[in-house]
Amino acid sequence: MSKSYHYISFTDFVYVRLDGIIWTSSGLSQPGNLNKAAVEQVNIIYGTVELEKLLVVDCKGVITITDHSLDELFKSIAKVNREITFVSCQQIEEKLSNAKKEFCNELNTNDGDSQLTIYKRKQKQEFTSESSNEVKSKIIKNIKEFVSKSFQKFPDGKFKRLSSTPILASGEYDASSLISNPASFYWISLSLLDKVEEIIERDRVGKKSQAKLLSVSLRAAPFASAISLLGGFQLECIDHLGPINPYSKLMDQQYISSDYIYIGDFVFGGTEIKVAKNYLNFKSSLLGHAVTIGSLFSDDTFKDFQLSSLVSLNSLNVDAKYKMFED
């Protein structure tokens, strides 16, 4: 039986993401390889979920396919005749086309722009750039709901100072609840991965050596680990990195210069990121980017690094209130 969070339903189509399904069905030993277990999950969705709608299969990150893994899915396509579109499939398009020819050659095909659509008579629905933007907006909307529900008011009703910042708050967002919820952990991890890959491609992070990830808290470590394994990035995890760490010990050692991207949960004053930046300076390395689930301030607030957050915490939850001074 397919997990309900594997797919997102829209007015005209249902969306699934292959690298996520590979992750949950087969683990992350080969995150870019599409195997039978993952295709079986796609086949279940294809044959049971809102059959009147186009099924959009996002192949981002998939580079290889285990032999004969596609057979049962394409047999179903030939039988059910439900319209299906594979997007971002440039690296596996040849194998998809071959499977189509072998099992459902009587159906029509429309390919181009890293897409492959299989349909019976006339193509009903195209997956356009507007459709892609609709998917991104829906995922962020869902993440906002996950994050908002994770907020916990302090039990005594008083404002308390948040860790590593002078900001006082009425409560705090609980990353552990996002980790323990399979749906939120799934979509947040995939969205953080997209942010990291976008930054690397756009700003050429790690152009001299492969970009690395840095996590400095137990709350962020599970997300950082998922991103590392999904994207094939080297990860350095440090628990409770702070100003009392003995940086002097680092000065007597030799390090290879690397570009790092900080992975965090929630940002308020940015202290942890600044400390992490100083830590990497001692290692002759750079940290110019931070990717987080949420931030109280806009991404352009900090000048020491470029922040990229999935959601803004400002006004996200009506119970979440902040101030600088005690009454």
C-alpha atoms as a PDB file:
ATOM      1  CA  MET A   1       0.000   0.000   0.000  1.00  0.00           C
ATOM      2  CA  SER A   2       1.309   3.430  -0.942  1.00  0.00           C
ATOM      3  CA  LYS A   3       2.022   6.055   1.713  1.00  0.00           C
ATOM      4  CA  SER A   4      -0.418   8.959   1.369  1.00  0.00           C
ATOM      5  CA  TYR A   5       2.317  11.585   1.675  1.00  0.00           C
ATOM      6  CA  HIS A   6       4.044  10.187  -1.421  1.00  0.00           C
ATOM      7  CA  TYR A   7       1.671  12.147  -3.636  1.00  0.00           C
ATOM      8  CA  ILE A   8       0.095  15.597  -3.746  1.00  0.00           C
ATOM      9  CA  SER A   9      -3.250  16.114  -5.462  1.00  0.00           C
ATOM     10  CA  PHE A  10      -4.062  19.125  -7.632  1.00  0.00           C
ATOM     11  CA  THR A  11      -7.114  20.078  -9.683  1.00  0.00           C
ATOM     12  CA  ASP A  12      -5.892  18.444 -12.885  1.00  0.00           C
ATOM     13  CA  PHE A  13      -3.035  16.185 -11.857  1.00  0.00           C
ATOM     14  CA  VAL A  14      -1.426  14.132  -9.106  1.00  0.00           C
ATOM     15  CA  TYR A  15       2.261  14.740  -8.382  1.00  0.00           C
ATOM     16  CA  VAL A  16       4.882  12.276  -7.095  1.00  0.00           C
ATOM     17  CA  ARG A  17       8.617  12.585  -6.669  1.00  0.00           C
ATOM     18  CA  LEU A  18      10.758   9.564  -7.491  1.00  0.00           C
ATOM     19  CA  ASP A  19      13.815  10.304  -5.344  1.00  0.00           C
ATOM     20  CA  GLY A  20      11.567  10.545  -2.303  1.00  0.00           C
ATOM     21  CA  ILE A  21       9.830   7.279  -3.117  1.00  0.00           C
ATOM     22  CA  ILE A  22      13.200   5.583  -3.645  1.00  0.00           C
ATOM     23  CA  TRP A  23      14.251   6.908  -0.232  1.00  0.00           C
ATOM     24  CA  THR A  24      11.224   5.613   1.681  1.00  0.00           C
ATOM     25  CA  SER A  25      10.939   2.291  -0.119  1.00  0.00           C
ATOM     26  CA  SER A  26      14.594   1.309  -0.478  1.00  0.00           C
ATOM     27  CA  GLY A  27      16.704   3.517   1.778  1.00  0.00           C
ATOM     28  CA  LEU A  28      19.522   5.768   0.639  1.00  0.00           C
ATOM     29  CA  SER A  29      22.286   3.360  -0.355  1.00  0.00           C
ATOM     30  CA  GLN A  30      21.524   4.186  -4.020  1.00  0.00           C
ATOM     31  CA  PRO A  31      19.342   7.308  -3.990  1.00  0.00           C
ATOM     32  CA  GLY A  32      19.697   7.937  -7.720  1.00  0.00           C
ATOM     33  CA  ASN A  33      18.799   4.415  -8.815  1.00  0.00           C
ATOM     34  CA  LEU A  34      15.192   3.577  -9.611  1.00  0.00           C
ATOM     35  CA  ASN A  35      14.502  -0.003  -8.530  1.00  0.00           C
ATOM     36  CA  LYS A  36      11.516  -2.347  -8.499  1.00  0.00           C
ATOM     37  CA  ALA A  37      10.435  -1.461  -4.964  1.00  0.00           C
ATOM     38  CA  ALA A  38      10.150   2.242  -5.799  1.00  0.00           C
ATOM     39  CA  VAL A  39       8.385   1.621  -9.123  1.00  0.00           C
ATOM     40  CA  GLU A  40       5.923  -0.640  -7.334  1.00  0.00           C
ATOM     41  CA  GLN A  41       4.884   2.304  -5.167  1.00  0.00           C
ATOM     42  CA  VAL A  42       4.450   4.499  -8.251  1.00  0.00           C
ATOM     43  CA  ASN A  43       2.410   1.730  -9.885  1.00  0.00           C
ATOM     44  CA  ILE A  44       0.066   1.567  -6.880  1.00  0.00           C
ATOM     45  CA  ILE A  45      -0.528   5.323  -7.068  1.00  0.00           C
ATOM     46  CA  TYR A  46      -0.998   5.102 -10.841  1.00  0.00           C
ATOM     47  CA  GLY A  47      -3.670   2.435 -10.483  1.00  0.00           C
ATOM     48  CA  THR A  48      -5.538   3.650  -7.392  1.00  0.00           C
ATOM     49  CA  VAL A  49      -5.253   7.409  -6.787  1.00  0.00           C
ATOM     50  CA  GLU A  50      -7.647   9.741  -8.657  1.00  0.00           C
ATOM     51  CA  LEU A  51      -7.522   7.842 -11.927  1.00  0.00           C
ATOM     52  CA  GLU A  52      -9.230  10.608 -13.868  1.00  0.00           C
ATOM     53  CA  LYS A  53      -6.240  12.904 -13.393  1.00  0.00           C
ATOM     54  CA  LEU A  54      -2.847  13.064 -15.075  1.00  0.00           C
ATOM     55  CA  LEU A  55      -0.086  11.445 -12.993  1.00  0.00           C
ATOM     56  CA  VAL A  56       3.074  13.568 -12.961  1.00  0.00           C
ATOM     57  CA  VAL A  57       6.218  11.649 -12.015  1.00  0.00           C
ATOM     58  CA  ASP A  58       9.130  13.946 -11.135  1.00  0.00           C
ATOM     59  CA  CYS A  59      12.375  12.112 -11.963  1.00  0.00           C
ATOM     60  CA  LYS A  60      14.714  14.778 -10.565  1.00  0.00           C
ATOM     61  CA  GLY A  61      17.862  13.154  -9.173  1.00  0.00           C
ATOM     62  CA  VAL A  62      17.265   9.762 -10.795  1.00  0.00           C
ATOM     63  CA  ILE A  63      20.165   8.753 -13.038  1.00  0.00           C
ATOM     64  CA  THR A  64      19.891   4.960 -13.426  1.00  0.00           C
ATOM     65  CA  ILE A  65      17.211   2.262 -13.512  1.00  0.00           C
ATOM     66  CA  THR A  66      17.576  -1.354 -12.407  1.00  0.00           C
ATOM     67  CA  ASP A  67      16.859  -3.718 -15.295  1.00  0.00           C
ATOM     68  CA  HIS A  68      13.175  -4.632 -15.729  1.00  0.00           C
ATOM     69  CA  SER A  69      12.091  -2.336 -12.881  1.00  0.00           C
ATOM     70  CA  LEU A  70       9.751  -0.451 -15.215  1.00  0.00           C
ATOM     71  CA  ASP A  71       8.015  -3.525 -16.629  1.00  0.00           C
ATOM     72  CA  GLU A  72       4.980  -3.729 -14.337  1.00  0.00           C
ATOM     73  CA  LEU A  73       4.325   0.016 -14.414  1.00  0.00           C
ATOM     74  CA  PHE A  74       4.325   0.144 -18.204  1.00  0.00           C
ATOM     75  CA  LYS A  75       2.117  -2.943 -18.388  1.00  0.00           C
ATOM     76  CA  SER A  76      -0.326  -1.021 -16.190  1.00  0.00           C
ATOM     77  CA  ILE A  77      -0.074   2.005 -18.483  1.00  0.00           C
ATOM     78  CA  ALA A  78      -1.005  -0.201 -21.430  1.00  0.00           C
ATOM     79  CA  LYS A  79      -3.965  -1.640 -19.530  1.00  0.00           C
ATOM     80  CA  VAL A  80      -5.336   1.386 -17.643  1.00  0.00           C
ATOM     81  CA  ASN A  81      -4.517   3.983 -20.312  1.00  0.00           C
ATOM     82  CA  ARG A  82      -4.237   6.694 -17.689  1.00  0.00           C
ATOM     83  CA  GLU A  83      -2.261   9.681 -18.938  1.00  0.00           C
ATOM     84  CA  ILE A  84       1.183   9.910 -17.325  1.00  0.00           C
ATOM     85  CA  THR A  85       3.971  12.466 -17.644  1.00  0.00           C
ATOM     86  CA  PHE A  86       7.572  11.971 -16.581  1.00  0.00           C
ATOM     87  CA  VAL A  87       9.317  15.317 -15.916  1.00  0.00           C
ATOM     88  CA  SER A  88      13.012  16.109 -15.347  1.00  0.00           C
ATOM     89  CA  CYS A  89      13.694  12.745 -16.914  1.00  0.00           C
ATOM     90  CA  GLN A  90      16.562  13.625 -19.250  1.00  0.00           C
ATOM     91  CA  GLN A  91      18.954  11.114 -17.678  1.00  0.00           C
ATOM     92  CA  ILE A  92      16.560   8.172 -17.926  1.00  0.00           C
ATOM     93  CA  GLU A  93      14.461   9.227 -20.930  1.00  0.00           C
ATOM     94  CA  GLU A  94      15.923   6.562 -23.217  1.00  0.00           C
ATOM     95  CA  LYS A  95      14.959   3.737 -20.840  1.00  0.00           C
ATOM     96  CA  LEU A  96      11.497   5.210 -20.386  1.00  0.00           C
ATOM     97  CA  SER A  97      11.045   5.382 -24.159  1.00  0.00           C
ATOM     98  CA  ASN A  98      12.250   1.811 -24.582  1.00  0.00           C
ATOM     99  CA  ALA A  99       9.806   0.566 -21.953  1.00  0.00           C
ATOM    100  CA  LYS A 100       6.998   2.435 -23.656  1.00  0.00           C
ATOM    101  CA  LYS A 101       7.845   0.844 -27.013  1.00  0.00           C
ATOM    102  CA  GLU A 102       8.006  -2.631 -25.476  1.00  0.00           C
ATOM    103  CA  PHE A 103       4.840  -2.621 -23.386  1.00  0.00           C
ATOM    104  CA  CYS A 104       2.489   0.078 -24.698  1.00  0.00           C
ATOM    105  CA  ASN A 105       3.616   0.944 -28.198  1.00  0.00           C
ATOM    106  CA  GLU A 106       0.007   1.500 -29.341  1.00  0.00           C
ATOM    107  CA  LEU A 107      -0.272   4.552 -27.089  1.00  0.00           C
ATOM    108  CA  ASN A 108       0.856   8.015 -28.140  1.00  0.00           C
ATOM    109  CA  THR A 109       3.938   9.833 -26.896  1.00  0.00           C
ATOM    110  CA  ASN A 110       4.812  13.484 -26.538  1.00  0.00           C
ATOM    111  CA  ASP A 111       8.394  14.188 -25.513  1.00  0.00           C
ATOM    112  CA  GLY A 112      10.584  17.267 -25.222  1.00  0.00           C
ATOM    113  CA  ASP A 113      11.927  19.708 -22.618  1.00  0.00           C
ATOM    114  CA  SER A 114      12.987  16.821 -20.374  1.00  0.00           C
ATOM    115  CA  GLN A 115       9.423  15.478 -20.393  1.00  0.00           C
ATOM    116  CA  LEU A 116       7.807  12.309 -21.669  1.00  0.00           C
ATOM    117  CA  THR A 117       4.008  12.040 -21.780  1.00  0.00           C
ATOM    118  CA  ILE A 118       2.155   8.837 -22.631  1.00  0.00           C
ATOM    119  CA  TYR A 119      -1.537   9.058 -23.521  1.00  0.00           C
ATOM    120  CA  LYS A 120      -4.195   7.135 -25.465  1.00  0.00           C
ATOM    121  CA  ARG A 121      -5.825   9.476 -27.978  1.00  0.00           C
ATOM    122  CA  LYS A 122      -5.418  13.155 -27.271  1.00  0.00           C
ATOM    123  CA  GLN A 123      -3.211  14.644 -24.594  1.00  0.00           C
ATOM    124  CA  LYS A 124      -5.547  16.120 -21.974  1.00  0.00           C
ATOM    125  CA  GLN A 125      -3.206  17.952 -19.642  1.00  0.00           C
ATOM    126  CA  GLU A 126       0.244  19.459 -20.108  1.00  0.00           C
ATOM    127  CA  PHE A 127       2.631  19.930 -17.216  1.00  0.00           C
ATOM    128  CA  THR A 128       3.814  23.485 -17.823  1.00  0.00           C
ATOM    129  CA  SER A 129       6.059  25.924 -15.959  1.00  0.00           C
ATOM    130  CA  GLU A 130       2.885  27.227 -14.320  1.00  0.00           C
ATOM    131  CA  SER A 131       2.109  23.693 -13.176  1.00  0.00           C
ATOM    132  CA  SER A 132       5.617  23.393 -11.750  1.00  0.00           C
ATOM    133  CA  ASN A 133       5.166  26.657  -9.850  1.00  0.00           C
ATOM    134  CA  GLU A 134       1.844  25.353  -8.550  1.00  0.00           C
ATOM    135  CA  VAL A 135       3.611  22.289  -7.170  1.00  0.00           C
ATOM    136  CA  LYS A 136       6.277  24.387  -5.455  1.00  0.00           C
ATOM    137  CA  SER A 137       3.651  26.686  -3.918  1.00  0.00           C
ATOM    138  CA  LYS A 138       1.580  23.754  -2.630  1.00  0.00           C
ATOM    139  CA  ILE A 139       4.628  22.089  -1.054  1.00  0.00           C
ATOM    140  CA  ILE A 140       5.612  25.310   0.728  1.00  0.00           C
ATOM    141  CA  LYS A 141       2.009  25.801   1.865  1.00  0.00           C
ATOM    142  CA  ASN A 142       2.049  22.306   3.349  1.00  0.00           C
ATOM    143  CA  ILE A 143       5.389  22.958   5.050  1.00  0.00           C
ATOM    144  CA  LYS A 144       4.000  26.153   6.567  1.00  0.00           C
ATOM    145  CA  GLU A 145       1.161  24.114   8.064  1.00  0.00           C
ATOM    146  CA  PHE A 146       3.592  21.521   9.423  1.00  0.00           C
ATOM    147  CA  VAL A 147       5.793  24.205  10.991  1.00  0.00           C
ATOM    148  CA  SER A 148       2.883  26.195  12.401  1.00  0.00           C
ATOM    149  CA  LYS A 149       1.493  23.105  14.127  1.00  0.00           C
ATOM    150  CA  SER A 150       4.920  22.387  15.642  1.00  0.00           C
ATOM    151  CA  PHE A 151       4.841  25.580  17.740  1.00  0.00           C
ATOM    152  CA  GLN A 152       4.635  24.943  21.478  1.00  0.00           C
ATOM    153  CA  LYS A 153       3.749  27.721  23.935  1.00  0.00           C
ATOM    154  CA  PHE A 154       5.787  27.795  27.126  1.00  0.00           C
ATOM    155  CA  PRO A 155       3.643  26.145  29.835  1.00  0.00           C
ATOM    156  CA  ASP A 156       3.730  29.046  32.318  1.00  0.00           C
ATOM    157  CA  GLY A 157       2.532  31.527  29.711  1.00  0.00           C
ATOM    158  CA  LYS A 158       5.600  33.713  30.163  1.00  0.00           C
ATOM    159  CA  PHE A 159       8.093  34.950  27.610  1.00  0.00           C
ATOM    160  CA  LYS A 160      11.466  33.213  27.740  1.00  0.00           C
ATOM    161  CA  ARG A 161      14.777  33.960  26.087  1.00  0.00           C
ATOM    162  CA  LEU A 162      15.529  31.712  23.129  1.00  0.00           C
ATOM    163  CA  SER A 163      18.885  29.938  23.052  1.00  0.00           C
ATOM    164  CA  SER A 164      21.817  31.740  21.388  1.00  0.00           C
ATOM    165  CA  THR A 165      19.860  34.988  20.936  1.00  0.00           C
ATOM    166  CA  PRO A 166      18.588  37.906  23.052  1.00  0.00           C
ATOM    167  CA  ILE A 167      15.092  37.515  21.578  1.00  0.00           C
ATOM    168  CA  LEU A 168      12.275  36.693  24.001  1.00  0.00           C
ATOM    169  CA  ALA A 169       9.461  34.422  22.823  1.00  0.00           C
ATOM    170  CA  SER A 170       6.118  33.072  23.984  1.00  0.00           C
ATOM    171  CA  GLY A 171       7.130  29.570  22.903  1.00  0.00           C
ATOM    172  CA  GLU A 172       9.225  27.758  20.343  1.00  0.00           C
ATOM    173  CA  TYR A 173       8.926  25.745  17.181  1.00  0.00           C
ATOM    174  CA  ASP A 174       9.682  22.089  17.839  1.00  0.00           C
ATOM    175  CA  ALA A 175      11.827  20.550  15.100  1.00  0.00           C
ATOM    176  CA  SER A 176      11.567  17.140  16.769  1.00  0.00           C
ATOM    177  CA  SER A 177       7.857  17.001  15.929  1.00  0.00           C
ATOM    178  CA  LEU A 178       8.704  17.702  12.275  1.00  0.00           C
ATOM    179  CA  ILE A 179      11.249  14.876  12.338  1.00  0.00           C
ATOM    180  CA  SER A 180       8.852  12.392  13.941  1.00  0.00           C
ATOM    181  CA  ASN A 181       6.091  13.121  11.412  1.00  0.00           C
ATOM    182  CA  PRO A 182       6.953  11.127   8.231  1.00  0.00           C
ATOM    183  CA  ALA A 183       5.101  13.533   5.915  1.00  0.00           C
ATOM    184  CA  SER A 184       6.770  16.694   7.231  1.00  0.00           C
ATOM    185  CA  PHE A 185      10.229  15.110   7.399  1.00  0.00           C
ATOM    186  CA  TYR A 186       9.815  13.811   3.841  1.00  0.00           C
ATOM    187  CA  TRP A 187       8.779  17.066   2.178  1.00  0.00           C
ATOM    188  CA  ILE A 188      10.967  19.364   4.284  1.00  0.00           C
ATOM    189  CA  SER A 189      14.062  17.263   3.562  1.00  0.00           C
ATOM    190  CA  LEU A 190      13.353  17.195  -0.176  1.00  0.00           C
ATOM    191  CA  SER A 191      12.699  20.949  -0.226  1.00  0.00           C
ATOM    192  CA  LEU A 192      15.906  21.685   1.693  1.00  0.00           C
ATOM    193  CA  LEU A 193      17.766  19.501  -0.807  1.00  0.00           C
ATOM    194  CA  ASP A 194      16.321  21.548  -3.665  1.00  0.00           C
ATOM    195  CA  LYS A 195      17.521  24.753  -1.978  1.00  0.00           C
ATOM    196  CA  VAL A 196      21.036  23.381  -1.539  1.00  0.00           C
ATOM    197  CA  GLU A 197      21.285  22.192  -5.144  1.00  0.00           C
ATOM    198  CA  GLU A 198      19.877  25.494  -6.421  1.00  0.00           C
ATOM    199  CA  ILE A 199      22.497  27.460  -4.459  1.00  0.00           C
ATOM    200  CA  ILE A 200      25.352  25.249  -5.650  1.00  0.00           C
ATOM    201  CA  GLU A 201      24.325  25.597  -9.289  1.00  0.00           C
ATOM    202  CA  ARG A 202      23.521  29.310  -9.119  1.00  0.00           C
ATOM    203  CA  ASP A 203      26.502  30.520  -7.095  1.00  0.00           C
ATOM    204  CA  ARG A 204      28.976  27.799  -8.071  1.00  0.00           C
ATOM    205  CA  VAL A 205      29.555  26.846  -4.449  1.00  0.00           C
ATOM    206  CA  GLY A 206      32.362  24.304  -4.216  1.00  0.00           C
ATOM    207  CA  LYS A 207      33.670  25.017  -7.723  1.00  0.00           C
ATOM    208  CA  LYS A 208      37.205  24.071  -6.632  1.00  0.00           C
ATOM    209  CA  SER A 209      36.181  21.105  -4.482  1.00  0.00           C
ATOM    210  CA  GLN A 210      32.785  19.527  -3.808  1.00  0.00           C
ATOM    211  CA  ALA A 211      30.561  21.599  -1.532  1.00  0.00           C
ATOM    212  CA  LYS A 212      30.117  20.240   1.982  1.00  0.00           C
ATOM    213  CA  LEU A 213      27.308  20.568   4.510  1.00  0.00           C
ATOM    214  CA  LEU A 214      27.601  21.642   8.140  1.00  0.00           C
ATOM    215  CA  SER A 215      25.092  20.988  10.923  1.00  0.00           C
ATOM    216  CA  VAL A 216      25.662  22.254  14.464  1.00  0.00           C
ATOM    217  CA  SER A 217      22.620  21.061  16.393  1.00  0.00           C
ATOM    218  CA  LEU A 218      20.868  17.790  17.156  1.00  0.00           C
ATOM    219  CA  ARG A 219      17.582  19.231  15.849  1.00  0.00           C
ATOM    220  CA  ALA A 220      19.014  19.989  12.417  1.00  0.00           C
ATOM    221  CA  ALA A 221      21.172  16.872  12.099  1.00  0.00           C
ATOM    222  CA  PRO A 222      18.449  14.487  10.796  1.00  0.00           C
ATOM    223  CA  PHE A 223      17.537  16.930   8.014  1.00  0.00           C
ATOM    224  CA  ALA A 224      21.204  17.505   7.181  1.00  0.00           C
ATOM    225  CA  SER A 225      21.814  13.747   7.100  1.00  0.00           C
ATOM    226  CA  ALA A 226      18.880  13.185   4.737  1.00  0.00           C
ATOM    227  CA  ILE A 227      20.100  15.954   2.413  1.00  0.00           C
ATOM    228  CA  SER A 228      23.637  14.589   2.523  1.00  0.00           C
ATOM    229  CA  LEU A 229      22.564  11.077   1.547  1.00  0.00           C
ATOM    230  CA  LEU A 230      19.978  12.162  -1.023  1.00  0.00           C
ATOM    231  CA  GLY A 231      22.351  14.592  -2.740  1.00  0.00           C
ATOM    232  CA  GLY A 232      25.642  12.791  -2.189  1.00  0.00           C
ATOM    233  CA  PHE A 233      27.191  15.565  -0.098  1.00  0.00           C
ATOM    234  CA  GLN A 234      29.840  15.202   2.573  1.00  0.00           C
ATOM    235  CA  LEU A 235      28.429  16.253   5.950  1.00  0.00           C
ATOM    236  CA  GLU A 236      30.094  17.494   9.112  1.00  0.00           C
ATOM    237  CA  CYS A 237      27.928  17.412  12.242  1.00  0.00           C
ATOM    238  CA  ILE A 238      28.909  19.201  15.453  1.00  0.00           C
ATOM    239  CA  ASP A 239      26.624  19.118  18.453  1.00  0.00           C
ATOM    240  CA  HIS A 240      26.148  22.400  20.379  1.00  0.00           C
ATOM    241  CA  LEU A 241      28.772  24.440  18.567  1.00  0.00           C
ATOM    242  CA  GLY A 242      29.199  27.634  20.579  1.00  0.00           C
ATOM    243  CA  PRO A 243      31.639  30.334  21.688  1.00  0.00           C
ATOM    244  CA  ILE A 244      33.167  28.135  24.396  1.00  0.00           C
ATOM    245  CA  ASN A 245      34.561  25.634  21.914  1.00  0.00           C
ATOM    246  CA  PRO A 246      38.382  25.457  22.049  1.00  0.00           C
ATOM    247  CA  TYR A 247      39.094  26.992  18.634  1.00  0.00           C
ATOM    248  CA  SER A 248      42.765  27.439  19.584  1.00  0.00           C
ATOM    249  CA  LYS A 249      43.266  23.703  19.045  1.00  0.00           C
ATOM    250  CA  LEU A 250      42.267  24.146  15.413  1.00  0.00           C
ATOM    251  CA  MET A 251      44.991  26.691  14.689  1.00  0.00           C
ATOM    252  CA  ASP A 252      47.808  24.135  14.959  1.00  0.00           C
ATOM    253  CA  GLN A 253      46.281  21.789  12.382  1.00  0.00           C
ATOM    254  CA  GLN A 254      46.327  21.773   8.581  1.00  0.00           C
ATOM    255  CA  TYR A 255      43.045  21.686   6.666  1.00  0.00           C
ATOM    256  CA  ILE A 256      41.958  21.496   3.061  1.00  0.00           C
ATOM    257  CA  SER A 257      39.974  24.581   2.125  1.00  0.00           C
ATOM    258  CA  SER A 258      36.324  23.790   1.385  1.00  0.00           C
ATOM    259  CA  ASP A 259      33.052  25.595   0.732  1.00  0.00           C
ATOM    260  CA  TYR A 260      30.334  24.757   3.244  1.00  0.00           C
ATOM    261  CA  ILE A 261      26.579  25.261   3.354  1.00  0.00           C
ATOM    262  CA  TYR A 262      25.036  25.495   6.813  1.00  0.00           C
ATOM    263  CA  ILE A 263      21.912  23.376   7.400  1.00  0.00           C
ATOM    264  CA  GLY A 264      19.668  24.468  10.271  1.00  0.00           C
ATOM    265  CA  ASP A 265      16.143  24.299  11.598  1.00  0.00           C
ATOM    266  CA  PHE A 266      15.030  27.784  12.730  1.00  0.00           C
ATOM    267  CA  VAL A 267      16.895  31.096  12.641  1.00  0.00           C
ATOM    268  CA  PHE A 268      16.238  34.074  14.897  1.00  0.00           C
ATOM    269  CA  GLY A 269      19.369  36.111  15.648  1.00  0.00           C
ATOM    270  CA  GLY A 270      21.673  34.075  13.437  1.00  0.00           C
ATOM    271  CA  THR A 271      24.207  33.522  16.231  1.00  0.00           C
ATOM    272  CA  GLU A 272      24.752  29.814  15.550  1.00  0.00           C
ATOM    273  CA  ILE A 273      25.446  30.500  11.879  1.00  0.00           C
ATOM    274  CA  LYS A 274      27.954  33.256  12.709  1.00  0.00           C
ATOM    275  CA  VAL A 275      29.740  30.994  15.183  1.00  0.00           C
ATOM    276  CA  ALA A 276      29.803  28.225  12.573  1.00  0.00           C
ATOM    277  CA  LYS A 277      31.280  30.671  10.086  1.00  0.00           C
ATOM    278  CA  ASN A 278      34.070  31.556  12.545  1.00  0.00           C
ATOM    279  CA  TYR A 279      34.705  27.875  13.230  1.00  0.00           C
ATOM    280  CA  LEU A 280      35.191  27.190   9.520  1.00  0.00           C
ATOM    281  CA  ASN A 281      37.469  30.221   9.164  1.00  0.00           C
ATOM    282  CA  PHE A 282      39.853  28.482  11.558  1.00  0.00           C
ATOM    283  CA  LYS A 283      39.764  25.498   9.182  1.00  0.00           C
ATOM    284  CA  SER A 284      40.646  27.722   6.193  1.00  0.00           C
ATOM    285  CA  SER A 285      37.162  27.098   4.836  1.00  0.00           C
ATOM    286  CA  LEU A 286      34.251  29.292   3.833  1.00  0.00           C
ATOM    287  CA  LEU A 287      30.593  29.441   4.791  1.00  0.00           C
ATOM    288  CA  GLY A 288      28.652  31.847   2.623  1.00  0.00           C
ATOM    289  CA  HIS A 289      25.219  30.209   2.644  1.00  0.00           C
ATOM    290  CA  ALA A 290      22.763  28.939   5.226  1.00  0.00           C
ATOM    291  CA  VAL A 291      19.684  26.847   4.371  1.00  0.00           C
ATOM    292  CA  THR A 292      17.035  26.519   7.062  1.00  0.00           C
ATOM    293  CA  ILE A 293      13.430  25.469   7.547  1.00  0.00           C
ATOM    294  CA  GLY A 294      12.288  28.838   8.885  1.00  0.00           C
ATOM    295  CA  SER A 295      13.512  32.302   9.831  1.00  0.00           C
ATOM    296  CA  LEU A 296      11.915  35.080  11.861  1.00  0.00           C
ATOM    297  CA  PHE A 297      13.506  37.707   9.638  1.00  0.00           C
ATOM    298  CA  SER A 298      13.679  38.009   5.851  1.00  0.00           C
ATOM    299  CA  ASP A 299      16.469  36.241   4.004  1.00  0.00           C
ATOM    300  CA  ASP A 300      18.297  39.496   3.250  1.00  0.00           C
ATOM    301  CA  THR A 301      18.599  40.498   6.929  1.00  0.00           C
ATOM    302  CA  PHE A 302      22.030  39.002   7.531  1.00  0.00           C
ATOM    303  CA  LYS A 303      25.101  40.438   5.819  1.00  0.00           C
ATOM    304  CA  ASP A 304      27.693  37.850   6.919  1.00  0.00           C
ATOM    305  CA  PHE A 305      26.036  35.050   4.954  1.00  0.00           C
ATOM    306  CA  GLN A 306      23.232  34.469   2.469  1.00  0.00           C
ATOM    307  CA  LEU A 307      20.200  32.931   4.137  1.00  0.00           C
ATOM    308  CA  SER A 308      17.684  30.759   2.296  1.00  0.00           C
ATOM    309  CA  SER A 309      14.678  29.663   4.363  1.00  0.00           C
ATOM    310  CA  LEU A 310      11.736  27.585   3.262  1.00  0.00           C
ATOM    311  CA  VAL A 311       9.210  29.620   5.275  1.00  0.00           C
ATOM    312  CA  SER A 312       8.995  32.862   7.216  1.00  0.00           C
ATOM    313  CA  LEU A 313       8.137  32.497  10.896  1.00  0.00           C
ATOM    314  CA  ASN A 314       6.858  36.062  11.085  1.00  0.00           C
ATOM    315  CA  SER A 315       3.078  35.826  11.708  1.00  0.00           C
ATOM    316  CA  LEU A 316       3.087  32.119  10.850  1.00  0.00           C
ATOM    317  CA  ASN A 317       1.379  31.131  14.117  1.00  0.00           C
ATOM    318  CA  VAL A 318      -0.839  33.566  16.050  1.00  0.00           C
ATOM    319  CA  ASP A 319       0.467  32.223  19.368  1.00  0.00           C
ATOM    320  CA  ALA A 320       4.097  32.868  18.448  1.00  0.00           C
ATOM    321  CA  LYS A 321       5.055  36.298  19.796  1.00  0.00           C
ATOM    322  CA  TYR A 322       8.482  37.901  20.143  1.00  0.00           C
ATOM    323  CA  LYS A 323      10.043  40.880  21.892  1.00  0.00           C
ATOM    324  CA  MET A 324      13.437  42.209  22.908  1.00  0.00           C
ATOM    325  CA  PHE A 325      12.881  43.360  26.490  1.00  0.00           C
ATOM    326  CA  GLU A 326      11.123  42.120  29.605  1.00  0.00           C
ATOM    327  CA  ASP A 327       7.987  44.025  30.604  1.00  0.00           C
END
